[in-house]
């Protein structure tokens, strides 16, 4: 599996998408105490390592899956924050 295929597979992974949404919601609820960037960076790192380590063995190089996971999870977090911003702007908040 090439890097592009791995990246696209990670972007379309429903488990990864669900965890990213939960990460963003949790960050928003605890933002006053923990800030914005520390929880997001820690969560992106956690998700990027967790999924390849618990996935089915034999799908490729673990380090490559983690590094591509950092990029794909960051893209998903950015997309979630963008959707939140657009929704709040449309609602007038």
N, C-alpha and C. Protein backbone atom coordinates (compact mmCIF):
# COMPACT_ATOMS: atom_id res chain seq x y z
N UNK A 1 0.85 -1.17 0.00
CA UNK A 1 0.00 0.00 0.00
C UNK A 1 0.90 1.24 0.00
N UNK A 2 0.66 2.13 -0.94
CA UNK A 2 1.44 3.35 -1.05
C UNK A 2 1.04 4.38 -0.01
N UNK A 3 1.83 5.43 0.07
CA UNK A 3 1.56 6.48 1.04
C UNK A 3 0.22 7.17 0.78
N UNK A 4 -0.08 7.40 -0.49
CA UNK A 4 -1.35 8.05 -0.84
C UNK A 4 -2.53 7.17 -0.45
N UNK A 5 -2.43 5.88 -0.73
CA UNK A 5 -3.50 4.96 -0.37
C UNK A 5 -3.68 4.88 1.15
N UNK A 6 -2.56 4.85 1.86
CA UNK A 6 -2.61 4.81 3.32
C UNK A 6 -3.23 6.08 3.87
N UNK A 7 -2.85 7.22 3.34
CA UNK A 7 -3.39 8.52 3.77
C UNK A 7 -4.89 8.58 3.54
N UNK A 8 -5.33 8.19 2.35
CA UNK A 8 -6.76 8.23 2.04
C UNK A 8 -7.54 7.23 2.89
N UNK A 9 -6.96 6.07 3.14
CA UNK A 9 -7.62 5.07 3.99
C UNK A 9 -7.78 5.61 5.41
N UNK A 10 -6.77 6.30 5.91
CA UNK A 10 -6.86 6.87 7.25
C UNK A 10 -7.86 8.02 7.30
N UNK A 11 -7.95 8.80 6.25
CA UNK A 11 -8.93 9.90 6.22
C UNK A 11 -10.36 9.38 6.23
N UNK A 12 -10.60 8.22 5.64
CA UNK A 12 -11.94 7.67 5.53
C UNK A 12 -12.27 6.69 6.65
N UNK A 13 -11.37 6.48 7.59
CA UNK A 13 -11.58 5.54 8.68
C UNK A 13 -12.63 6.09 9.64
N UNK A 14 -13.78 5.43 9.77
CA UNK A 14 -14.84 5.96 10.63
C UNK A 14 -14.43 6.02 12.11
N UNK A 15 -13.60 5.09 12.56
CA UNK A 15 -13.13 5.10 13.94
C UNK A 15 -12.27 6.34 14.21
N UNK A 16 -11.37 6.64 13.29
CA UNK A 16 -10.51 7.82 13.43
C UNK A 16 -11.34 9.10 13.40
N UNK A 17 -12.32 9.17 12.52
CA UNK A 17 -13.19 10.35 12.43
C UNK A 17 -13.97 10.53 13.73
N UNK A 18 -14.49 9.45 14.27
CA UNK A 18 -15.25 9.52 15.52
C UNK A 18 -14.39 9.98 16.69
N UNK A 19 -13.17 9.46 16.77
CA UNK A 19 -12.27 9.85 17.86
C UNK A 19 -11.87 11.33 17.71
N UNK A 20 -11.67 11.78 16.48
CA UNK A 20 -11.30 13.18 16.26
C UNK A 20 -12.45 14.09 16.68
N UNK A 21 -13.67 13.73 16.35
CA UNK A 21 -14.82 14.54 16.77
C UNK A 21 -14.91 14.57 18.29
N UNK A 22 -14.71 13.43 18.92
CA UNK A 22 -14.73 13.39 20.39
C UNK A 22 -13.60 14.23 20.97
N UNK A 23 -12.43 14.22 20.34
CA UNK A 23 -11.30 15.03 20.79
C UNK A 23 -11.63 16.52 20.73
N UNK A 24 -12.22 16.95 19.63
CA UNK A 24 -12.54 18.37 19.47
C UNK A 24 -13.63 18.79 20.46
N UNK A 25 -14.63 17.96 20.65
CA UNK A 25 -15.69 18.28 21.60
C UNK A 25 -15.12 18.36 23.02
N UNK A 26 -14.27 17.41 23.37
CA UNK A 26 -13.65 17.42 24.70
C UNK A 26 -12.77 18.65 24.88
N UNK A 27 -12.01 19.00 23.86
CA UNK A 27 -11.16 20.19 23.94
C UNK A 27 -12.02 21.43 24.16
N UNK A 28 -13.15 21.53 23.48
CA UNK A 28 -14.01 22.70 23.63
C UNK A 28 -14.61 22.77 25.02
N UNK A 29 -14.95 21.63 25.60
CA UNK A 29 -15.56 21.62 26.93
C UNK A 29 -14.56 21.94 28.03
N UNK A 30 -13.29 21.62 27.81
CA UNK A 30 -12.27 21.84 28.84
C UNK A 30 -11.31 22.97 28.47
N UNK A 31 -11.67 23.75 27.49
CA UNK A 31 -10.79 24.79 26.96
C UNK A 31 -10.40 25.83 28.01
N UNK A 32 -11.28 26.16 28.92
CA UNK A 32 -10.97 27.16 29.94
C UNK A 32 -9.88 26.69 30.89
N UNK A 33 -9.82 25.39 31.14
CA UNK A 33 -8.84 24.85 32.08
C UNK A 33 -7.54 24.42 31.40
N UNK A 34 -7.64 23.81 30.22
CA UNK A 34 -6.46 23.21 29.59
C UNK A 34 -5.95 23.95 28.38
N UNK A 35 -6.70 24.92 27.88
CA UNK A 35 -6.30 25.63 26.69
C UNK A 35 -6.77 24.91 25.43
N UNK A 36 -6.23 25.35 24.31
CA UNK A 36 -6.66 24.80 23.03
C UNK A 36 -5.63 23.86 22.43
N UNK A 37 -4.40 24.30 22.34
CA UNK A 37 -3.41 23.58 21.54
C UNK A 37 -2.81 22.36 22.23
N UNK A 38 -2.59 22.42 23.53
CA UNK A 38 -2.00 21.27 24.22
C UNK A 38 -2.87 20.02 24.11
N UNK A 39 -4.19 20.11 24.38
CA UNK A 39 -5.01 18.91 24.23
C UNK A 39 -5.10 18.42 22.79
N UNK A 40 -5.13 19.34 21.84
CA UNK A 40 -5.22 18.92 20.45
C UNK A 40 -3.94 18.20 20.00
N UNK A 41 -2.79 18.74 20.36
CA UNK A 41 -1.53 18.10 19.97
C UNK A 41 -1.38 16.75 20.65
N UNK A 42 -1.71 16.68 21.94
CA UNK A 42 -1.63 15.41 22.65
C UNK A 42 -2.62 14.40 22.07
N UNK A 43 -3.81 14.85 21.75
CA UNK A 43 -4.82 13.96 21.17
C UNK A 43 -4.44 13.46 19.79
N UNK A 44 -3.89 14.34 18.97
CA UNK A 44 -3.45 13.93 17.63
C UNK A 44 -2.35 12.87 17.74
N UNK A 45 -1.41 13.09 18.64
CA UNK A 45 -0.35 12.10 18.84
C UNK A 45 -0.90 10.78 19.36
N UNK A 46 -1.83 10.85 20.30
CA UNK A 46 -2.42 9.64 20.87
C UNK A 46 -3.18 8.84 19.81
N UNK A 47 -4.01 9.51 19.05
CA UNK A 47 -4.80 8.84 18.01
C UNK A 47 -3.89 8.24 16.94
N UNK A 48 -2.85 8.98 16.57
CA UNK A 48 -1.95 8.54 15.51
C UNK A 48 -1.15 7.29 15.90
N UNK A 49 -0.90 7.13 17.19
CA UNK A 49 -0.17 5.95 17.65
C UNK A 49 -1.13 4.82 18.02
N UNK A 50 -2.27 5.15 18.61
CA UNK A 50 -3.22 4.15 19.08
C UNK A 50 -3.75 3.27 17.97
N UNK A 51 -4.21 3.87 16.91
CA UNK A 51 -4.87 3.09 15.86
C UNK A 51 -3.91 2.11 15.17
N UNK A 52 -2.71 2.51 14.75
CA UNK A 52 -1.81 1.52 14.15
C UNK A 52 -1.37 0.42 15.13
N UNK A 53 -1.22 0.76 16.40
CA UNK A 53 -0.80 -0.26 17.37
C UNK A 53 -1.88 -1.28 17.65
N UNK A 54 -3.14 -0.89 17.58
CA UNK A 54 -4.23 -1.82 17.86
C UNK A 54 -4.83 -2.41 16.60
N UNK A 55 -4.36 -1.98 15.44
CA UNK A 55 -4.89 -2.48 14.18
C UNK A 55 -4.40 -3.87 13.86
N UNK A 56 -4.85 -4.37 12.77
CA UNK A 56 -4.46 -5.71 12.33
C UNK A 56 -3.01 -5.68 11.86
N UNK A 57 -2.22 -6.60 12.36
CA UNK A 57 -0.80 -6.66 11.99
C UNK A 57 -0.65 -7.07 10.53
N UNK A 58 0.43 -6.65 9.93
CA UNK A 58 0.72 -7.03 8.56
C UNK A 58 0.22 -6.05 7.51
N UNK A 59 -0.24 -4.89 7.91
CA UNK A 59 -0.73 -3.91 6.94
C UNK A 59 0.36 -2.96 6.48
N UNK A 60 1.57 -3.18 6.88
CA UNK A 60 2.65 -2.31 6.44
C UNK A 60 3.54 -1.92 7.61
N UNK A 61 4.39 -0.97 7.35
CA UNK A 61 5.34 -0.49 8.33
C UNK A 61 4.65 0.33 9.41
N UNK A 62 4.93 0.03 10.67
CA UNK A 62 4.28 0.71 11.79
C UNK A 62 4.68 2.18 11.86
N UNK A 63 5.96 2.47 11.67
CA UNK A 63 6.43 3.86 11.74
C UNK A 63 5.79 4.70 10.64
N UNK A 64 5.68 4.14 9.44
CA UNK A 64 5.05 4.85 8.34
C UNK A 64 3.58 5.12 8.64
N UNK A 65 2.89 4.12 9.20
CA UNK A 65 1.47 4.29 9.53
C UNK A 65 1.29 5.38 10.59
N UNK A 66 2.21 5.45 11.56
CA UNK A 66 2.12 6.47 12.59
C UNK A 66 2.39 7.86 12.01
N UNK A 67 3.41 7.98 11.18
CA UNK A 67 3.75 9.28 10.60
C UNK A 67 2.65 9.79 9.67
N UNK A 68 2.12 8.91 8.85
CA UNK A 68 1.01 9.30 7.98
C UNK A 68 -0.23 9.59 8.83
N UNK A 69 -0.37 8.86 9.93
CA UNK A 69 -1.48 9.10 10.85
C UNK A 69 -1.43 10.47 11.48
N UNK A 70 -0.22 10.95 11.77
CA UNK A 70 -0.08 12.31 12.30
C UNK A 70 -0.64 13.34 11.32
N UNK A 71 -0.33 13.15 10.05
CA UNK A 71 -0.80 14.09 9.02
C UNK A 71 -2.31 13.96 8.82
N UNK A 72 -2.80 12.73 8.68
CA UNK A 72 -4.23 12.55 8.41
C UNK A 72 -5.08 12.97 9.60
N UNK A 73 -4.63 12.70 10.81
CA UNK A 73 -5.39 13.12 11.99
C UNK A 73 -5.38 14.63 12.12
N UNK A 74 -4.26 15.26 11.79
CA UNK A 74 -4.20 16.73 11.81
C UNK A 74 -5.16 17.33 10.80
N UNK A 75 -5.25 16.73 9.64
CA UNK A 75 -6.20 17.21 8.61
C UNK A 75 -7.63 17.07 9.11
N UNK A 76 -7.94 15.94 9.75
CA UNK A 76 -9.30 15.73 10.25
C UNK A 76 -9.63 16.71 11.38
N UNK A 77 -8.67 16.99 12.26
CA UNK A 77 -8.90 17.96 13.33
C UNK A 77 -9.12 19.35 12.73
N UNK A 78 -8.32 19.71 11.75
CA UNK A 78 -8.50 21.01 11.09
C UNK A 78 -9.87 21.09 10.42
N UNK A 79 -10.31 20.01 9.80
CA UNK A 79 -11.63 19.99 9.16
C UNK A 79 -12.73 20.13 10.20
N UNK A 80 -12.59 19.45 11.34
CA UNK A 80 -13.60 19.54 12.39
C UNK A 80 -13.67 20.96 12.96
N UNK A 81 -12.53 21.58 13.15
CA UNK A 81 -12.52 22.96 13.65
C UNK A 81 -13.09 23.93 12.62
N UNK A 82 -12.83 23.68 11.34
CA UNK A 82 -13.38 24.51 10.28
C UNK A 82 -14.90 24.40 10.23
N UNK A 83 -15.42 23.18 10.33
CA UNK A 83 -16.87 22.98 10.32
C UNK A 83 -17.50 23.68 11.52
N UNK A 84 -16.87 23.57 12.69
CA UNK A 84 -17.39 24.25 13.88
C UNK A 84 -17.42 25.76 13.67
N UNK A 85 -16.35 26.31 13.12
CA UNK A 85 -16.29 27.75 12.89
C UNK A 85 -17.36 28.19 11.90
N UNK A 86 -17.54 27.43 10.84
CA UNK A 86 -18.57 27.78 9.85
C UNK A 86 -19.97 27.71 10.44
N UNK A 87 -20.25 26.68 11.24
CA UNK A 87 -21.56 26.56 11.87
C UNK A 87 -21.82 27.72 12.81
N UNK A 88 -20.82 28.08 13.61
CA UNK A 88 -20.99 29.20 14.53
C UNK A 88 -21.18 30.52 13.78
N UNK A 89 -20.49 30.67 12.67
CA UNK A 89 -20.64 31.90 11.87
C UNK A 89 -22.02 31.98 11.25
N UNK A 90 -22.54 30.85 10.77
CA UNK A 90 -23.88 30.85 10.18
C UNK A 90 -24.93 31.12 11.26
N UNK A 91 -24.70 30.60 12.45
CA UNK A 91 -25.64 30.84 13.56
C UNK A 91 -25.53 32.24 14.11
N UNK A 92 -24.49 32.97 13.75
CA UNK A 92 -24.32 34.33 14.20
C UNK A 92 -23.66 34.47 15.56
N UNK A 93 -22.88 33.49 15.97
CA UNK A 93 -22.20 33.55 17.27
C UNK A 93 -20.77 33.89 17.11
